[in-house]
Amino acid sequence: MTIKVFSPKYPTELEEFYAQRIADNPLGFIQRLDLLPSISGFVQKLRERGGEFFGMRKDKKLIGICGLNPINKTEAELCKFPYIFNSFQTKT
């Protein structure tokens, strides 16, 4: 498994992955994508604020996404991490 900065070259892959993860969580707070912010817009705003967005891959397949949102010079908030394939959520 690798974790790397997510490339803006693949917005369709990111949008599709995000939509599928939302659909896979029927008990989630919000299930309608039209009520959620665009994931591509989220990534853009995160980077504008000095944060970064990462993709987790196994055998070149996107299996998870997460972002680091800066709080100050020494702290950052981990965000969007729960968006990971269910089969990988319980692995250590």
N, C-alpha and C. Protein backbone atom coordinates (compact mmCIF):
# COMPACT_ATOMS: atom_id res chain seq x y z
N MET A 1 0.85 -1.16 0.00
CA MET A 1 0.00 0.00 0.00
C MET A 1 0.90 1.23 0.00
N THR A 2 0.52 2.22 -0.79
CA THR A 2 1.28 3.47 -0.84
C THR A 2 0.35 4.65 -0.58
N ILE A 3 0.89 5.68 0.03
CA ILE A 3 0.15 6.93 0.25
C ILE A 3 0.99 8.03 -0.38
N LYS A 4 0.38 8.72 -1.34
CA LYS A 4 1.07 9.80 -2.05
C LYS A 4 0.14 11.00 -2.20
N VAL A 5 0.75 12.16 -2.46
CA VAL A 5 -0.03 13.35 -2.76
C VAL A 5 -0.92 13.03 -3.96
N PHE A 6 -2.20 13.38 -3.85
CA PHE A 6 -3.13 13.07 -4.94
C PHE A 6 -2.92 14.05 -6.08
N SER A 7 -2.76 13.52 -7.25
CA SER A 7 -2.51 14.34 -8.43
C SER A 7 -3.79 14.97 -8.95
N PRO A 8 -3.78 16.27 -9.25
CA PRO A 8 -4.96 16.91 -9.82
C PRO A 8 -5.25 16.44 -11.25
N LYS A 9 -4.39 15.57 -11.80
CA LYS A 9 -4.62 15.06 -13.15
C LYS A 9 -5.79 14.08 -13.19
N TYR A 10 -6.23 13.58 -12.04
CA TYR A 10 -7.24 12.53 -12.00
C TYR A 10 -8.52 12.93 -11.26
N PRO A 11 -9.14 14.06 -11.60
CA PRO A 11 -10.34 14.48 -10.86
C PRO A 11 -11.51 13.53 -11.03
N THR A 12 -11.65 12.89 -12.19
CA THR A 12 -12.76 11.97 -12.41
C THR A 12 -12.64 10.77 -11.48
N GLU A 13 -11.44 10.23 -11.35
CA GLU A 13 -11.21 9.10 -10.45
C GLU A 13 -11.58 9.48 -9.02
N LEU A 14 -11.20 10.67 -8.60
CA LEU A 14 -11.50 11.13 -7.25
C LEU A 14 -13.00 11.29 -7.05
N GLU A 15 -13.68 11.94 -7.98
CA GLU A 15 -15.14 12.14 -7.88
C GLU A 15 -15.87 10.81 -7.82
N GLU A 16 -15.48 9.86 -8.67
CA GLU A 16 -16.14 8.55 -8.69
C GLU A 16 -15.89 7.79 -7.40
N PHE A 17 -14.66 7.83 -6.91
CA PHE A 17 -14.32 7.15 -5.66
C PHE A 17 -15.14 7.72 -4.51
N TYR A 18 -15.20 9.04 -4.42
CA TYR A 18 -15.94 9.73 -3.36
C TYR A 18 -17.43 9.37 -3.42
N ALA A 19 -18.01 9.40 -4.60
CA ALA A 19 -19.43 9.07 -4.76
C ALA A 19 -19.70 7.63 -4.33
N GLN A 20 -18.83 6.72 -4.69
CA GLN A 20 -19.02 5.31 -4.31
C GLN A 20 -18.89 5.11 -2.81
N ARG A 21 -17.95 5.80 -2.17
CA ARG A 21 -17.80 5.66 -0.72
C ARG A 21 -19.03 6.20 0.01
N ILE A 22 -19.60 7.29 -0.48
CA ILE A 22 -20.83 7.84 0.13
C ILE A 22 -21.95 6.82 -0.02
N ALA A 23 -22.09 6.24 -1.22
CA ALA A 23 -23.15 5.25 -1.48
C ALA A 23 -22.96 3.98 -0.64
N ASP A 24 -21.72 3.63 -0.34
CA ASP A 24 -21.43 2.42 0.44
C ASP A 24 -21.74 2.58 1.92
N ASN A 25 -22.09 3.77 2.37
CA ASN A 25 -22.33 4.03 3.78
C ASN A 25 -23.78 4.45 4.01
N PRO A 26 -24.72 3.48 3.97
CA PRO A 26 -26.13 3.84 4.09
C PRO A 26 -26.51 4.47 5.42
N LEU A 27 -25.69 4.29 6.44
CA LEU A 27 -25.97 4.89 7.75
C LEU A 27 -25.29 6.24 7.93
N GLY A 28 -24.65 6.71 6.88
CA GLY A 28 -23.95 8.00 6.96
C GLY A 28 -24.91 9.15 7.19
N PHE A 29 -24.38 10.25 7.66
CA PHE A 29 -25.18 11.42 7.99
C PHE A 29 -25.87 11.99 6.75
N ILE A 30 -25.14 12.14 5.66
CA ILE A 30 -25.71 12.66 4.41
C ILE A 30 -25.38 11.68 3.30
N GLN A 31 -26.40 11.24 2.58
CA GLN A 31 -26.20 10.28 1.50
C GLN A 31 -26.35 10.91 0.12
N ARG A 32 -26.89 12.11 0.04
CA ARG A 32 -27.11 12.75 -1.26
C ARG A 32 -25.90 13.61 -1.61
N LEU A 33 -25.25 13.25 -2.72
CA LEU A 33 -24.07 14.00 -3.14
C LEU A 33 -24.37 15.46 -3.45
N ASP A 34 -25.61 15.75 -3.87
CA ASP A 34 -25.95 17.14 -4.19
C ASP A 34 -25.99 18.01 -2.93
N LEU A 35 -26.03 17.40 -1.76
CA LEU A 35 -26.01 18.15 -0.51
C LEU A 35 -24.60 18.29 0.07
N LEU A 36 -23.66 17.60 -0.53
CA LEU A 36 -22.27 17.63 -0.06
C LEU A 36 -21.43 18.53 -0.96
N PRO A 37 -20.36 19.08 -0.42
CA PRO A 37 -19.47 19.90 -1.28
C PRO A 37 -18.75 19.01 -2.29
N SER A 38 -18.39 19.58 -3.39
CA SER A 38 -17.61 18.87 -4.41
C SER A 38 -16.27 18.47 -3.81
N ILE A 39 -15.88 17.22 -3.98
CA ILE A 39 -14.60 16.77 -3.44
C ILE A 39 -13.44 17.48 -4.15
N SER A 40 -13.58 17.73 -5.44
CA SER A 40 -12.52 18.45 -6.17
C SER A 40 -12.39 19.88 -5.66
N GLY A 41 -13.54 20.52 -5.38
CA GLY A 41 -13.52 21.86 -4.80
C GLY A 41 -12.91 21.86 -3.41
N PHE A 42 -13.21 20.82 -2.64
CA PHE A 42 -12.63 20.69 -1.30
C PHE A 42 -11.10 20.60 -1.39
N VAL A 43 -10.61 19.78 -2.31
CA VAL A 43 -9.16 19.61 -2.48
C VAL A 43 -8.52 20.94 -2.87
N GLN A 44 -9.16 21.65 -3.79
CA GLN A 44 -8.61 22.94 -4.24
C GLN A 44 -8.53 23.93 -3.08
N LYS A 45 -9.61 24.05 -2.29
CA LYS A 45 -9.62 24.98 -1.16
C LYS A 45 -8.61 24.56 -0.10
N LEU A 46 -8.49 23.26 0.12
CA LEU A 46 -7.53 22.75 1.09
C LEU A 46 -6.11 23.16 0.70
N ARG A 47 -5.78 23.00 -0.56
CA ARG A 47 -4.44 23.36 -1.04
C ARG A 47 -4.23 24.87 -1.02
N GLU A 48 -5.27 25.65 -1.28
CA GLU A 48 -5.15 27.12 -1.22
C GLU A 48 -4.82 27.58 0.19
N ARG A 49 -5.28 26.83 1.20
CA ARG A 49 -5.02 27.17 2.61
C ARG A 49 -3.72 26.57 3.12
N GLY A 50 -2.95 25.94 2.23
CA GLY A 50 -1.67 25.36 2.65
C GLY A 50 -1.75 23.91 3.06
N GLY A 51 -2.90 23.29 2.86
CA GLY A 51 -3.04 21.87 3.19
C GLY A 51 -2.65 20.99 2.01
N GLU A 52 -2.84 19.70 2.19
CA GLU A 52 -2.52 18.76 1.12
C GLU A 52 -3.50 17.60 1.16
N PHE A 53 -3.66 16.95 0.02
CA PHE A 53 -4.60 15.85 -0.13
C PHE A 53 -3.85 14.62 -0.63
N PHE A 54 -4.17 13.47 -0.07
CA PHE A 54 -3.44 12.24 -0.37
C PHE A 54 -4.37 11.14 -0.84
N GLY A 55 -3.84 10.27 -1.66
CA GLY A 55 -4.54 9.07 -2.09
C GLY A 55 -3.78 7.85 -1.62
N MET A 56 -4.52 6.85 -1.15
CA MET A 56 -3.92 5.57 -0.78
C MET A 56 -4.21 4.59 -1.89
N ARG A 57 -3.20 3.88 -2.32
CA ARG A 57 -3.36 2.92 -3.41
C ARG A 57 -2.78 1.57 -3.03
N LYS A 58 -3.44 0.55 -3.54
CA LYS A 58 -2.93 -0.81 -3.45
C LYS A 58 -2.96 -1.36 -4.86
N ASP A 59 -1.81 -1.76 -5.35
CA ASP A 59 -1.70 -2.27 -6.73
C ASP A 59 -2.29 -1.28 -7.74
N LYS A 60 -1.97 -0.01 -7.58
CA LYS A 60 -2.39 1.10 -8.46
C LYS A 60 -3.88 1.44 -8.37
N LYS A 61 -4.64 0.74 -7.53
CA LYS A 61 -6.07 1.03 -7.36
C LYS A 61 -6.25 1.97 -6.18
N LEU A 62 -7.02 3.04 -6.39
CA LEU A 62 -7.32 3.98 -5.32
C LEU A 62 -8.20 3.30 -4.28
N ILE A 63 -7.72 3.24 -3.03
CA ILE A 63 -8.49 2.57 -1.98
C ILE A 63 -8.86 3.52 -0.84
N GLY A 64 -8.30 4.72 -0.81
CA GLY A 64 -8.62 5.65 0.26
C GLY A 64 -8.12 7.05 -0.05
N ILE A 65 -8.73 8.03 0.60
CA ILE A 65 -8.34 9.42 0.42
C ILE A 65 -8.32 10.10 1.79
N CYS A 66 -7.45 11.08 1.93
CA CYS A 66 -7.43 11.86 3.17
C CYS A 66 -6.75 13.19 2.90
N GLY A 67 -7.03 14.15 3.75
CA GLY A 67 -6.42 15.46 3.62
C GLY A 67 -5.83 15.90 4.94
N LEU A 68 -4.84 16.77 4.86
CA LEU A 68 -4.27 17.42 6.03
C LEU A 68 -4.56 18.91 5.93
N ASN A 69 -5.33 19.40 6.87
CA ASN A 69 -5.73 20.81 6.90
C ASN A 69 -4.92 21.51 7.99
N PRO A 70 -4.09 22.49 7.64
CA PRO A 70 -3.26 23.13 8.66
C PRO A 70 -4.09 23.92 9.67
N ILE A 71 -3.75 23.74 10.94
CA ILE A 71 -4.39 24.50 12.01
C ILE A 71 -3.49 25.68 12.38
N ASN A 72 -2.21 25.38 12.52
CA ASN A 72 -1.19 26.40 12.77
C ASN A 72 0.14 25.85 12.25
N LYS A 73 1.25 26.45 12.64
CA LYS A 73 2.55 26.02 12.08
C LYS A 73 2.99 24.64 12.54
N THR A 74 2.43 24.15 13.64
CA THR A 74 2.86 22.85 14.17
C THR A 74 1.77 21.80 14.21
N GLU A 75 0.53 22.16 13.90
CA GLU A 75 -0.58 21.21 13.98
C GLU A 75 -1.39 21.21 12.69
N ALA A 76 -1.95 20.03 12.40
CA ALA A 76 -2.83 19.88 11.23
C ALA A 76 -3.96 18.94 11.60
N GLU A 77 -5.09 19.11 10.94
CA GLU A 77 -6.26 18.27 11.14
C GLU A 77 -6.32 17.25 10.01
N LEU A 78 -6.53 15.98 10.35
CA LEU A 78 -6.72 14.93 9.36
C LEU A 78 -8.18 14.95 8.95
N CYS A 79 -8.45 15.07 7.66
CA CYS A 79 -9.84 15.16 7.21
C CYS A 79 -10.08 14.27 6.00
N LYS A 80 -11.31 13.89 5.82
CA LYS A 80 -11.76 13.03 4.72
C LYS A 80 -11.13 11.65 4.77
N PHE A 81 -10.63 11.23 5.93
CA PHE A 81 -9.97 9.93 6.02
C PHE A 81 -10.95 8.76 5.96
N PRO A 82 -12.18 8.89 6.43
CA PRO A 82 -13.06 7.71 6.44
C PRO A 82 -13.39 7.18 5.05
N TYR A 83 -13.00 7.91 4.01
CA TYR A 83 -13.34 7.46 2.67
C TYR A 83 -12.30 6.45 2.20
N ILE A 84 -12.53 5.21 2.60
CA ILE A 84 -11.62 4.12 2.28
C ILE A 84 -12.49 2.89 1.99
N PHE A 85 -12.06 2.05 1.07
CA PHE A 85 -12.83 0.84 0.76
C PHE A 85 -13.09 0.07 2.03
N ASN A 86 -14.32 -0.43 2.18
CA ASN A 86 -14.71 -1.17 3.38
C ASN A 86 -13.77 -2.33 3.67
N SER A 87 -13.31 -3.02 2.64
CA SER A 87 -12.45 -4.20 2.85
C SER A 87 -11.11 -3.84 3.47
N PHE A 88 -10.73 -2.57 3.45
CA PHE A 88 -9.45 -2.15 4.03
C PHE A 88 -9.62 -1.45 5.38
N GLN A 89 -10.84 -1.19 5.80
CA GLN A 89 -11.05 -0.41 7.02
C GLN A 89 -10.60 -1.11 8.28
N THR A 90 -10.65 -2.42 8.33
CA THR A 90 -10.29 -3.13 9.56
C THR A 90 -8.91 -3.75 9.50
N LYS A 91 -8.16 -3.49 8.45
CA LYS A 91 -6.82 -4.07 8.33
C LYS A 91 -5.81 -3.21 9.08
N THR A 92 -4.84 -3.86 9.67
CA THR A 92 -3.78 -3.13 10.37
C THR A 92 -2.44 -3.43 9.75
